[in-house]
Protein backbone atom coordinates (compact mmCIF):
# COMPACT_ATOMS: atom_id res chain seq x y z
CA UNK A 1 41.06 6.86 -8.58
CA UNK A 2 39.90 10.12 -10.11
CA UNK A 3 36.95 8.37 -11.73
CA UNK A 4 36.03 6.85 -8.36
CA UNK A 5 36.10 10.27 -6.70
CA UNK A 6 33.97 11.75 -9.47
CA UNK A 7 31.42 8.96 -9.03
CA UNK A 8 31.21 9.57 -5.28
CA UNK A 9 30.87 13.30 -5.73
CA UNK A 10 28.07 12.72 -8.22
CA UNK A 11 26.20 10.26 -6.01
CA UNK A 12 26.50 12.52 -2.98
CA UNK A 13 25.69 15.75 -4.74
CA UNK A 14 22.63 17.56 -3.36
CA UNK A 15 21.23 18.05 -6.85
CA UNK A 16 21.44 14.32 -7.58
CA UNK A 17 19.68 13.21 -4.40
CA UNK A 18 17.22 16.08 -4.56
CA UNK A 19 15.87 14.80 -7.88
CA UNK A 20 14.93 11.45 -6.34
CA UNK A 21 13.59 12.99 -3.12
CA UNK A 22 11.41 15.34 -5.15
CA UNK A 23 10.21 12.50 -7.36
CA UNK A 24 9.23 10.37 -4.36
CA UNK A 25 7.44 13.27 -2.68
CA UNK A 26 5.30 13.86 -5.78
CA UNK A 27 4.93 10.20 -6.77
CA UNK A 28 2.16 9.54 -4.24
CA UNK A 29 0.25 12.63 -5.33
CA UNK A 30 0.60 11.67 -8.98
CA UNK A 31 -0.79 8.20 -8.31
CA UNK A 32 -3.70 9.69 -6.37
CA UNK A 33 -4.57 12.06 -9.22
CA UNK A 34 -4.32 9.32 -11.83
CA UNK A 35 -6.37 6.97 -9.65
CA UNK A 36 -9.09 9.60 -9.40
CA UNK A 37 -9.07 10.34 -13.12
CA UNK A 38 -9.26 6.64 -13.92
CA UNK A 39 -12.78 6.67 -12.50
CA UNK A 40 -13.88 8.32 -15.75
CA UNK A 41 -14.47 5.85 -18.60
CA UNK A 42 -12.67 8.02 -21.18
CA UNK A 43 -9.45 8.28 -19.19
CA UNK A 44 -9.59 4.62 -18.13
CA UNK A 45 -9.93 3.62 -21.78
CA UNK A 46 -6.98 5.82 -22.74
CA UNK A 47 -4.83 4.28 -20.01
CA UNK A 48 -5.71 0.79 -21.23
CA UNK A 49 -4.74 1.68 -24.81
CA UNK A 50 -1.40 3.13 -23.67
CA UNK A 51 -0.71 -0.02 -21.66
CA UNK A 52 -1.31 -2.18 -24.73
CA UNK A 53 1.05 -0.01 -26.78
CA UNK A 54 3.85 0.30 -24.23
CA UNK A 55 3.55 -3.10 -22.56
CA UNK A 56 3.38 -1.48 -19.11
CA UNK A 57 0.79 0.62 -17.34
CA UNK A 58 1.47 4.21 -16.34
CA UNK A 59 2.16 3.30 -12.70
CA UNK A 60 4.93 0.93 -13.80
CA UNK A 61 6.58 3.82 -15.64
CA UNK A 62 6.21 6.15 -12.67
CA UNK A 63 7.93 3.68 -10.35
CA UNK A 64 11.02 3.24 -12.57
CA UNK A 65 13.06 6.17 -11.15
CA UNK A 66 12.26 5.01 -7.62
CA UNK A 67 13.73 1.59 -8.41
CA UNK A 68 17.13 3.05 -9.31
CA UNK A 69 18.22 3.98 -5.78
CA UNK A 70 18.47 0.35 -4.53
CA UNK A 71 20.79 -0.32 -7.49
CA UNK A 72 23.07 2.50 -6.37
CA UNK A 73 23.11 1.01 -2.87
CA UNK A 74 24.16 -2.37 -4.29
CA UNK A 75 26.85 -0.71 -6.42
CA UNK A 76 28.36 1.12 -3.44
CA UNK A 77 28.11 -2.01 -1.33
CA UNK A 78 30.26 -3.92 -3.79
CA UNK A 79 32.73 -1.05 -4.09
CA UNK A 80 33.09 -0.88 -0.29
CA UNK A 81 33.53 -4.66 -0.12
CA UNK A 82 36.50 -4.70 -2.48
CA UNK A 83 37.95 -1.25 -1.76
CA UNK A 84 41.40 -0.73 -0.25
CA UNK A 85 40.83 0.53 3.29
CA UNK A 86 44.15 2.36 3.23
CA UNK A 87 43.05 4.64 0.40
CA UNK A 88 42.28 8.25 1.42
CA UNK A 89 38.78 8.16 -0.10
CA UNK A 90 37.71 4.97 1.73
CA UNK A 91 36.00 6.94 4.50
CA UNK A 92 34.06 8.99 1.97
CA UNK A 93 33.09 5.75 0.26
CA UNK A 94 31.61 4.23 3.43
CA UNK A 95 29.82 7.50 4.20
CA UNK A 96 28.40 7.48 0.68
CA UNK A 97 27.11 3.96 1.20
CA UNK A 98 25.48 4.87 4.52
CA UNK A 99 23.87 8.00 3.09
CA UNK A 100 22.53 6.19 0.05
CA UNK A 101 21.08 3.45 2.27
CA UNK A 102 19.28 6.11 4.28
CA UNK A 103 17.79 7.59 1.11
CA UNK A 104 16.79 4.10 -0.05
CA UNK A 105 14.96 3.39 3.22
CA UNK A 106 13.00 6.63 2.86
CA UNK A 107 12.13 5.85 -0.74
CA UNK A 108 11.09 2.28 0.06
CA UNK A 109 8.77 3.56 2.77
CA UNK A 110 7.12 5.95 0.32
CA UNK A 111 7.00 3.22 -2.30
CA UNK A 112 5.18 0.83 0.05
CA UNK A 113 2.74 3.58 0.95
CA UNK A 114 2.07 4.28 -2.73
CA UNK A 115 1.59 0.57 -3.46
CA UNK A 116 -0.91 0.33 -0.58
CA UNK A 117 -2.78 3.26 -2.10
CA UNK A 118 -2.82 1.73 -5.59
CA UNK A 119 -4.05 -1.56 -4.14
CA UNK A 120 -7.24 0.24 -3.12
CA UNK A 121 -7.96 0.91 -6.78
CA UNK A 122 -7.30 -2.73 -7.66
CA UNK A 123 -9.77 -3.84 -4.99
CA UNK A 124 -12.38 -1.36 -6.15
CA UNK A 125 -12.18 -2.95 -9.61
CA UNK A 126 -13.08 -6.43 -8.31
CA UNK A 127 -15.94 -5.46 -5.97
CA UNK A 128 -19.36 -5.62 -7.62
CA UNK A 129 -22.55 -4.13 -6.24
CA UNK A 130 -23.13 -0.64 -4.86
CA UNK A 131 -20.38 0.19 -2.39
CA UNK A 132 -21.39 2.53 0.44
CA UNK A 133 -18.54 4.28 2.22
CA UNK A 134 -19.28 4.27 5.98
CA UNK A 135 -17.40 7.55 6.46
CA UNK A 136 -18.32 9.40 3.26
CA UNK A 137 -21.45 7.68 1.85
CA UNK A 138 -21.38 9.58 -1.44
CA UNK A 139 -17.73 8.80 -2.18
CA UNK A 140 -16.09 5.79 -3.92
CA UNK A 141 -13.73 3.35 -2.23
CA UNK A 142 -10.66 5.12 -3.62
CA UNK A 143 -9.80 8.10 -1.41
CA UNK A 144 -6.49 10.02 -1.16
CA UNK A 145 -5.98 9.07 2.49
CA UNK A 146 -7.08 5.43 2.19
CA UNK A 147 -4.51 2.64 2.24
CA UNK A 148 -4.89 -1.13 1.89
CA UNK A 149 -3.69 -3.17 4.86
CA UNK A 150 -4.95 -6.75 4.67
CA UNK A 151 -7.48 -9.14 3.09
CA UNK A 152 -8.59 -12.70 3.50
CA UNK A 153 -11.33 -15.34 3.67
CA UNK A 154 -13.00 -15.86 7.05
CA UNK A 155 -16.25 -17.13 8.52
CA UNK A 156 -18.66 -14.60 10.02
CA UNK A 157 -21.37 -15.31 12.57
CA UNK A 158 -24.85 -14.39 11.34
CA UNK A 159 -28.47 -15.20 12.09
CA UNK A 160 -28.08 -18.19 9.77
CA UNK A 161 -24.95 -19.40 11.54
CA UNK A 162 -21.44 -19.16 10.17
CA UNK A 163 -21.26 -17.81 6.63
CA UNK A 164 -18.18 -17.51 4.39
CA UNK A 165 -17.01 -13.97 3.82
CA UNK A 166 -14.05 -12.20 2.27
CA UNK A 167 -12.85 -9.12 4.17
CA UNK A 168 -10.81 -6.19 2.93
CA UNK A 169 -9.11 -4.17 5.66
CA UNK A 170 -8.02 -0.60 5.06
CA UNK A 171 -6.51 1.97 7.37
CA UNK A 172 -9.90 3.51 8.14
CA UNK A 173 -12.63 1.02 7.18
CA UNK A 174 -13.33 -2.68 6.77
CA UNK A 175 -15.31 -4.01 3.81
CA UNK A 176 -17.31 -7.24 3.95
CA UNK A 177 -17.88 -9.17 0.71
CA UNK A 178 -18.58 -12.70 -0.41
CA UNK A 179 -17.16 -14.51 -3.38
CA UNK A 180 -19.29 -14.02 -6.46
CA UNK A 181 -19.38 -16.28 -9.48
CA UNK A 182 -16.01 -16.48 -11.17
CA UNK A 183 -15.96 -14.34 -14.26
CA UNK A 184 -13.72 -12.24 -16.48
CA UNK A 185 -13.79 -8.73 -15.12
CA UNK A 186 -12.31 -5.81 -17.01
CA UNK A 187 -10.47 -8.31 -19.21
CA UNK A 188 -8.16 -9.26 -16.34
CA UNK A 189 -9.63 -12.63 -15.39
CA UNK A 190 -9.79 -11.60 -11.74
CA UNK A 191 -12.30 -13.15 -9.40
CA UNK A 192 -14.91 -10.63 -8.32
CA UNK A 193 -16.46 -10.12 -4.88
CA UNK A 194 -20.04 -9.16 -4.06
CA UNK A 195 -20.30 -6.18 -1.74
CA UNK A 196 -22.16 -6.91 1.50
CA UNK A 197 -21.31 -4.28 4.10
CA UNK A 198 -18.68 -1.88 5.37
CA UNK A 199 -17.86 -0.22 8.67
CA UNK A 200 -15.66 2.57 9.96
CA UNK A 201 -12.78 1.54 12.22
CA UNK A 202 -13.04 4.76 14.19
CA UNK A 203 -13.88 3.86 17.83
CA UNK A 204 -13.59 0.15 16.99
CA UNK A 205 -12.36 -2.45 19.47
CA UNK A 206 -11.21 -6.06 19.35
CA UNK A 207 -12.10 -8.86 21.78
CA UNK A 208 -10.42 -12.24 21.59
CA UNK A 209 -12.56 -15.34 22.09
CA UNK A 210 -10.85 -18.64 21.24
CA UNK A 211 -7.60 -19.53 19.48
CA UNK A 212 -9.23 -18.94 16.12
CA UNK A 213 -12.05 -16.48 16.85
CA UNK A 214 -12.36 -12.82 17.80
CA UNK A 215 -14.85 -9.98 17.63
CA UNK A 216 -14.39 -6.63 15.93
CA UNK A 217 -16.86 -4.14 17.38
CA UNK A 218 -17.57 -1.03 15.31
CA UNK A 219 -20.14 1.73 15.68
CA UNK A 220 -22.40 0.08 13.10
CA UNK A 221 -21.79 -3.64 13.50
CA UNK A 222 -20.03 -6.34 15.51
CA UNK A 223 -18.04 -8.72 13.31
CA UNK A 224 -17.75 -12.16 14.95
CA UNK A 225 -14.86 -13.61 12.98
CA UNK A 226 -13.71 -17.22 12.80
CA UNK A 227 -10.33 -17.94 11.17
CA UNK A 228 -9.03 -21.22 9.82
CA UNK A 229 -5.94 -21.22 12.02
CA UNK A 230 -4.49 -19.45 15.04
CA UNK A 231 -1.81 -17.96 12.80
CA UNK A 232 -4.45 -16.46 10.53
CA UNK A 233 -6.15 -14.93 13.55
CA UNK A 234 -2.84 -13.51 14.81
CA UNK A 235 -2.26 -11.94 11.40
CA UNK A 236 -5.66 -10.24 11.47
CA UNK A 237 -5.07 -8.91 14.98
CA UNK A 238 -1.70 -7.49 13.97
CA UNK A 239 -3.15 -5.77 10.92
CA UNK A 240 -6.10 -4.37 12.90
CA UNK A 241 -3.62 -2.92 15.39
CA UNK A 242 -1.78 -1.34 12.46
CA UNK A 243 -5.01 0.32 11.33
CA UNK A 244 -5.67 1.50 14.88
CA UNK A 245 -2.22 3.08 15.08
CA UNK A 246 -2.81 4.92 11.82
CA UNK A 247 -6.14 6.30 13.06
CA UNK A 248 -4.49 7.42 16.31
CA UNK A 249 -1.79 9.28 14.40
CA UNK A 250 -4.42 11.02 12.28
CA UNK A 251 -6.38 12.05 15.38
CA UNK A 252 -3.25 13.43 17.04
CA UNK A 253 -2.33 15.41 13.93
CA UNK A 254 -5.90 16.71 13.62
CA UNK A 255 -6.01 17.85 17.25
CA UNK A 256 -2.68 19.65 16.92
CA UNK A 257 -3.86 21.52 13.87
């Protein structure tokens, strides 16, 4: 019983939880800094060498502490399941479980955000051709505030009729590409995409046409998009709404400041 109480006190201690909260709060910033530094060939080469030595890249190491909290949640869940409800520390046990779940939800949210940020770097690595940022023309695709939201193959209406395109949707822009010749890129064997165009989602609007078509109107271009299925179209509309919500939140925060 004493060991159980010591475990609970340790898991609930402010110092214990503060370490993970602090790590999560700085994890995103660390990934942003590393992502920026990886733009330089020297640092990118060093990262690749370290990955070959350790068997994991630096981001996999950074995520390890974040992955521990869900294990604590599972541990407490099993303890609560088999605990004697008549014991005096049962209430503290259930409170511990609830508090740890709350911390886990916060960490998972930050983890998903960090993964969406790192995905931008992955996409940048498979786009060939000169990328032009529609918001900051002199900047690369990877930006601290940019997050990946969705991607997929569609058909776009053009002067030549419908043409196959592959779109990458982020929280502030959409990037149009087409599938280039399959090749080994950066020794990863990933298929590369030829850059075609990009547009800011600021002031964009969506108009539905048929079950599988819709239009995305931006300040620079109107994307007439045809999907393979109605479900695919619904997915795109949901993700575009997600991007719109993010832009609205940014505008509100900017106006308040």
